[in-house]
Amino acid sequence: IDPDARRHIAELPLMGLTMLTPRRRPPAALPDDGQRPVVFVHGMGGHRGNFTPMQLWLRVRGRRRLYGVGLEPGLSVEALGVQLSAFIDEVLEVNGLPASARVDLVAHSMGGLVARCALECPATAERVATLVTLGTPHGGTYAARYGGTRHTLALRPDSELMRGLSRQVPWRLPTRLVGFWSRADVLLLPARTACLDGAENHELDSLTHYGYLLRPSCWRSVEEALSGSGR
């Protein structure tokens, strides 16, 4: 078995532990930390708790307004984008932020495509300053050929979803996009499908598909990406 695949499998129990929290929780007001709120968007078969290790680390670093959206598992990727847009509006409303306020998004895997669907709405695009994607198959992945579910079909390179999102390429939306990718990500075939023309693309060494969520090296890179987006 390929070493990267072995590491991917070994991380599955840790990912399971992050799912021992409520799947959905309405956003509540949190103390102002002087930064934009951050909304975390999980991937296919994932859970809002997948970002718990990263969120704990960011809290130690002083970030407070951190929110995880719990996506409905049965909806299409496009419909999940509508759900994400509504969640962003809730986050801004409960914190009493003005209409001009914006959030940042950090999305793992398919969550990055959900975010891109949400940004198809001009009002949402104006409310998102930076989108950071972690192992998102922006161009689809040939690994999706091994599944026949609604979401795996959508992740195939020739899917209707991919053809629709191709209108955004090269990236010209008002939202800054930072894409992280890794050659060790065995679920993205080819690995560079996590890069998007016109975005800020960065390679992270030796990270599996779940390593983005579990490794401090990625957490630091996410913090730097968010810090580099200005106020």
Protein backbone atom coordinates (compact mmCIF):
# COMPACT_ATOMS: atom_id res chain seq x y z
CA ILE A 1 0.00 0.00 0.00
CA ASP A 2 1.25 3.46 -0.85
CA PRO A 3 2.70 5.24 2.24
CA ASP A 4 0.46 8.26 1.71
CA ALA A 5 -2.59 5.99 1.59
CA ARG A 6 -1.47 4.29 4.84
CA ARG A 7 -1.17 7.65 6.59
CA HIS A 8 -4.58 8.64 5.26
CA ILE A 9 -6.14 5.49 6.75
CA ALA A 10 -4.30 5.94 10.05
CA GLU A 11 -5.83 9.38 10.51
CA LEU A 12 -9.41 8.13 10.18
CA PRO A 13 -9.85 7.41 13.94
CA LEU A 14 -8.77 10.97 14.78
CA MET A 15 -11.28 12.31 12.30
CA GLY A 16 -13.95 10.17 13.92
CA LEU A 17 -13.27 11.78 17.29
CA THR A 18 -13.89 15.25 15.83
CA MET A 19 -17.44 14.18 14.92
CA LEU A 20 -18.54 13.60 18.54
CA THR A 21 -20.24 16.99 18.73
CA PRO A 22 -23.67 18.21 17.57
CA ARG A 23 -23.86 18.30 13.78
CA ARG A 24 -25.60 21.66 13.71
CA ARG A 25 -25.62 24.57 16.10
CA PRO A 26 -27.13 28.01 15.44
CA PRO A 27 -24.53 30.78 15.57
CA ALA A 28 -24.37 32.87 18.74
CA ALA A 29 -22.73 36.22 19.37
CA LEU A 30 -19.05 35.94 20.31
CA PRO A 31 -16.59 38.51 21.71
CA ASP A 32 -15.03 40.85 19.17
CA ASP A 33 -11.39 39.86 18.59
CA GLY A 34 -10.67 42.72 16.19
CA GLN A 35 -10.79 40.39 13.19
CA ARG A 36 -13.46 39.26 10.78
CA PRO A 37 -15.56 36.24 11.85
CA VAL A 38 -14.36 32.98 10.31
CA VAL A 39 -16.83 30.38 9.03
CA PHE A 40 -15.51 26.82 8.59
CA VAL A 41 -17.10 24.65 5.89
CA HIS A 42 -16.65 20.87 6.08
CA GLY A 43 -16.43 18.47 3.16
CA MET A 44 -18.37 15.48 1.87
CA GLY A 45 -19.36 13.10 4.66
CA GLY A 46 -17.77 15.52 7.10
CA HIS A 47 -18.93 17.34 10.20
CA ARG A 48 -18.61 20.83 11.64
CA GLY A 49 -16.48 19.26 14.39
CA ASN A 50 -13.78 18.34 11.86
CA PHE A 51 -12.31 21.80 12.39
CA THR A 52 -12.21 21.54 16.20
CA PRO A 53 -8.41 21.05 16.44
CA MET A 54 -7.76 24.00 14.13
CA GLN A 55 -10.29 26.18 15.95
CA LEU A 56 -8.77 25.38 19.36
CA TRP A 57 -5.35 26.34 18.04
CA LEU A 58 -6.67 29.60 16.58
CA ARG A 59 -8.38 30.44 19.89
CA VAL A 60 -5.05 30.06 21.67
CA ARG A 61 -3.72 32.49 19.09
CA GLY A 62 -6.41 35.03 20.01
CA ARG A 63 -9.19 34.36 17.50
CA ARG A 64 -12.69 34.26 19.02
CA ARG A 65 -15.36 34.62 16.34
CA LEU A 66 -15.04 31.13 14.86
CA TYR A 67 -18.09 29.31 13.49
CA GLY A 68 -18.60 25.87 11.95
CA VAL A 69 -21.54 25.35 9.62
CA GLY A 70 -23.26 21.96 9.72
CA LEU A 71 -24.29 21.13 6.16
CA GLU A 72 -27.38 19.02 5.41
CA PRO A 73 -26.07 15.69 4.04
CA GLY A 74 -28.89 15.10 1.54
CA LEU A 75 -28.73 18.36 -0.39
CA SER A 76 -26.98 19.07 -3.68
CA VAL A 77 -23.75 21.07 -3.61
CA GLU A 78 -25.60 24.03 -5.11
CA ALA A 79 -28.29 23.86 -2.40
CA LEU A 80 -25.59 23.63 0.26
CA GLY A 81 -24.22 26.88 -1.14
CA VAL A 82 -27.58 28.53 -0.42
CA GLN A 83 -27.48 27.12 3.11
CA LEU A 84 -23.98 28.53 3.61
CA SER A 85 -25.08 31.98 2.41
CA ALA A 86 -27.89 31.97 4.98
CA PHE A 87 -25.47 30.90 7.72
CA ILE A 88 -23.11 33.76 6.87
CA ASP A 89 -26.01 36.20 7.17
CA GLU A 90 -26.87 34.72 10.59
CA VAL A 91 -23.29 35.11 11.83
CA LEU A 92 -23.20 38.78 10.87
CA GLU A 93 -26.68 39.42 12.31
CA VAL A 94 -26.15 37.80 15.73
CA ASN A 95 -22.94 39.76 16.18
CA GLY A 96 -24.70 43.03 15.34
CA LEU A 97 -22.32 43.78 12.50
CA PRO A 98 -23.18 46.39 9.84
CA ALA A 99 -24.26 45.61 6.31
CA SER A 100 -20.74 46.40 5.09
CA ALA A 101 -19.14 43.77 7.39
CA ARG A 102 -17.54 40.68 5.90
CA VAL A 103 -16.44 37.22 6.99
CA ASP A 104 -13.67 34.84 5.96
CA LEU A 105 -14.29 31.22 4.94
CA VAL A 106 -12.05 28.20 5.52
CA ALA A 107 -13.29 25.18 3.58
CA HIS A 108 -12.10 21.59 3.39
CA SER A 109 -12.48 19.38 0.32
CA MET A 110 -16.00 19.60 -1.16
CA GLY A 111 -16.70 22.45 1.25
CA GLY A 112 -14.66 24.67 -1.04
CA LEU A 113 -17.06 23.92 -3.89
CA VAL A 114 -20.00 24.67 -1.59
CA ALA A 115 -18.36 28.02 -0.85
CA ARG A 116 -17.84 28.73 -4.55
CA CYS A 117 -21.52 27.99 -5.17
CA ALA A 118 -22.45 30.41 -2.38
CA LEU A 119 -20.25 33.07 -3.98
CA GLU A 120 -22.30 32.80 -7.16
CA CYS A 121 -24.73 35.05 -5.28
CA PRO A 122 -23.35 38.61 -5.67
CA ALA A 123 -24.61 39.60 -2.21
CA THR A 124 -22.70 36.73 -0.60
CA ALA A 125 -19.57 37.46 -2.63
CA GLU A 126 -19.60 41.00 -1.27
CA ARG A 127 -19.78 39.64 2.30
CA VAL A 128 -16.84 37.23 2.02
CA ALA A 129 -13.37 38.77 2.07
CA THR A 130 -11.21 35.64 1.78
CA LEU A 131 -11.92 32.01 0.96
CA VAL A 132 -9.23 29.53 2.01
CA THR A 133 -9.64 26.06 0.48
CA LEU A 134 -7.91 22.94 1.81
CA GLY A 135 -7.68 20.06 -0.63
CA THR A 136 -10.69 21.22 -2.63
CA PRO A 137 -11.11 19.49 -6.02
CA HIS A 138 -11.64 22.71 -7.95
CA GLY A 139 -11.35 20.83 -11.24
CA GLY A 140 -13.00 17.65 -10.01
CA THR A 141 -11.20 14.44 -9.04
CA TYR A 142 -10.93 11.14 -10.88
CA ALA A 143 -11.16 9.39 -7.48
CA ALA A 144 -14.87 10.27 -7.60
CA ARG A 145 -15.27 7.58 -10.28
CA TYR A 146 -15.27 5.02 -7.46
CA GLY A 147 -18.51 6.37 -5.99
CA GLY A 148 -22.04 6.71 -7.31
CA THR A 149 -23.61 9.01 -4.73
CA ARG A 150 -25.06 12.41 -5.52
CA HIS A 151 -21.95 14.16 -4.26
CA THR A 152 -19.33 11.87 -5.81
CA LEU A 153 -21.05 12.22 -9.16
CA ALA A 154 -20.85 16.00 -8.75
CA LEU A 155 -17.11 15.77 -8.00
CA ARG A 156 -16.28 14.09 -11.30
CA PRO A 157 -14.32 16.40 -13.66
CA ASP A 158 -17.03 16.29 -16.34
CA SER A 159 -20.00 16.86 -14.02
CA GLU A 160 -22.64 19.54 -14.44
CA LEU A 161 -21.39 21.19 -11.24
CA MET A 162 -17.84 21.45 -12.58
CA ARG A 163 -19.02 22.83 -15.90
CA GLY A 164 -21.06 25.47 -14.08
CA LEU A 165 -18.23 26.51 -11.76
CA SER A 166 -15.83 26.75 -14.71
CA ARG A 167 -17.46 30.12 -15.41
CA GLN A 168 -15.51 31.45 -12.40
CA VAL A 169 -12.15 30.52 -13.94
CA PRO A 170 -9.81 32.32 -14.05
CA TRP A 171 -10.80 33.61 -10.63
CA ARG A 172 -12.12 37.18 -10.84
CA LEU A 173 -14.64 37.36 -8.00
CA PRO A 174 -14.24 40.12 -5.39
CA THR A 175 -13.45 37.42 -2.81
CA ARG A 176 -9.75 36.60 -2.45
CA LEU A 177 -9.15 32.85 -2.88
CA VAL A 178 -6.20 31.00 -1.34
CA GLY A 179 -5.93 27.33 -2.31
CA PHE A 180 -3.74 24.82 -0.46
CA TRP A 181 -2.80 21.50 -2.05
CA SER A 182 -0.54 18.53 -1.32
CA ARG A 183 1.05 15.84 -3.49
CA ALA A 184 0.30 13.38 -0.66
CA ASP A 185 -3.47 13.89 -0.98
CA VAL A 186 -4.58 10.53 -2.37
CA LEU A 187 -8.23 11.56 -2.80
CA LEU A 188 -7.46 14.32 -5.28
CA LEU A 189 -6.44 12.90 -8.64
CA PRO A 190 -4.51 14.71 -9.92
CA ALA A 191 -3.33 16.50 -6.77
CA ARG A 192 -3.09 19.85 -8.53
CA THR A 193 -6.85 19.87 -9.05
CA ALA A 194 -6.81 21.69 -5.69
CA CYS A 195 -5.24 24.67 -7.52
CA LEU A 196 -7.37 27.22 -9.34
CA ASP A 197 -6.25 29.54 -12.10
CA GLY A 198 -6.22 33.11 -10.76
CA ALA A 199 -6.14 32.09 -7.08
CA GLU A 200 -3.20 32.16 -4.66
CA ASN A 201 -2.13 28.50 -4.76
CA HIS A 202 0.31 27.05 -2.21
CA GLU A 203 1.67 23.54 -1.82
CA LEU A 204 1.84 22.04 1.68
CA ASP A 205 4.30 19.17 2.00
CA SER A 206 3.24 15.65 3.02
CA LEU A 207 -0.35 16.41 4.04
CA THR A 208 -2.98 13.75 3.46
CA HIS A 209 -6.55 14.72 2.72
CA TYR A 210 -7.29 14.72 6.46
CA GLY A 211 -3.90 16.16 7.38
CA TYR A 212 -5.16 19.62 6.44
CA LEU A 213 -7.46 19.39 9.45
CA LEU A 214 -5.11 17.64 11.87
CA ARG A 215 -1.61 19.05 11.33
CA PRO A 216 -0.34 22.26 13.00
CA SER A 217 1.69 23.09 9.89
CA CYS A 218 -1.59 23.59 8.01
CA TRP A 219 -3.17 25.54 10.87
CA ARG A 220 -0.26 27.99 10.76
CA SER A 221 -0.62 28.36 7.00
CA VAL A 222 -4.36 29.07 7.37
CA GLU A 223 -3.67 31.69 10.04
CA GLU A 224 -1.12 33.35 7.78
CA ALA A 225 -3.56 33.33 4.86
CA LEU A 226 -6.26 34.97 6.98
CA SER A 227 -3.83 37.49 8.46
CA GLY A 228 -2.69 38.44 4.98
CA SER A 229 -6.19 39.41 3.91
CA GLY A 230 -6.28 42.74 5.72
CA ARG A 231 -9.17 44.08 7.83
